[in-house]
Every structure is written in structure tokens, then in C-alpha cells.
């Protein structure tokens, strides 16, 4: 059982590593508002990872069929959500208060959590990634009872651990960067997220039409 829990913890880390709109969003929050805001945003991604783990354990066949049948629609809707989040990142200046007051901005809100969750959920491949990891670590035949709860919790713990260090790293970097540099990074991050969102949305719409 200990080996299984270690595998689940590693899965939680691995599923969080790929750089996508959610990771860029967490990075932006960490740079702009500090570690707490970044970590709370990371918890939004962890929630999606936890749900994906539950799906992977309890509904492998159903989840795969549903996602396969609605991949293009999910890409279209998710891409729109990502593009809107990216626009909010690109055209806002979270460093304004820092510049005006000379103090550190360390605010956070549940809005960060939900935006990160939506950014993560916009990627239809998130569940597939979790499914692949469960298959790779040979955790696809786990019992469907309370014994699975520790496995789900360890996946969440792995994801939370990754986002804790991710947000800490970028909040630490903000101390050594000038305001102008932070604003530029924020703009670039937002534009990248917009491009990803438009790409997802356009690809989904094209496949739906043709």
C-alpha cells in the first residue's frame, strides 16, 4: 500500500508539471501578488487534478467515451474561457499598487482559485493525462471503496506540493526584479494565454464545422 501511495504522490506532481494556461496563470499571480495568491491559484489546479483522479479511478470507460465524443466542443468552450482569462492578465497591472506605495502586494482571493480551476479545466487533455499516468504506474485496477481515498488524497498532496514550490519560486523571483520587468512578464504571460485560448477555440470550432 505504501508503494501505491508513493506512486499516487508522484502522479500528483507529474500531472502538474506541463506548462499550460493554468501554470502561466499561477506564475502571474505569484509574480504579481506573492506566494499566497500563487498558491491559492495552484489549489484551483489541484482541485481539477483531484477530480481527474477520481474520474480515472471510478469512471475510466465513461470518461474516455464522453471526452472523445465532445472533445471539439470542450476545446471551443475551454479555449474561450482561457482567452478571457488571458485578456484579464495581459491588460491588467497587478504591480500598480506596488509601484505607487513601494510596499509588497500579497493579496489573494477565491477569484484566483476559480480562475485557475477554469484555466485547468479548459484543457480536455487533463483527464487523459491523468488516465495515462494511472495506467503507467499500474493503478488502473484499484478497489472502488474507501481504500481508494488515501490514493486520491496522495494525488492531491503531490499536486499541492508542486504548486507550493512553484508559487514560492516565482514569488521569490519577484523580489529581485524591477517593476517594469514584472509588468512586461505579466503582459507576455497574458498574451501567451490568449494565444493558447484562441488556438484551442479555433481548433475546436474548425473541427465542429468541418
Foldseek 3Di string as FASTA:
>chain_A
DVLLLVLLLVLLQVLQPDDALLLLLLLLLLLLANLVQSLLLLLLLLVVLLVLLVCLAPPVPPLVVVCVVCVLVLLQVLLVLLLVVLVVQQPDQSCVVCVVPVDHHHDHDCVSSNSSNSNNSSHSCSSVSSNVSCVVSVNNPDDPDPVCVSSSVSSSVSSSVNSSVSSNVSNVVSVVDDSVVSSVSSNVSSVRSNVSSCVSSVVSVVVVVD
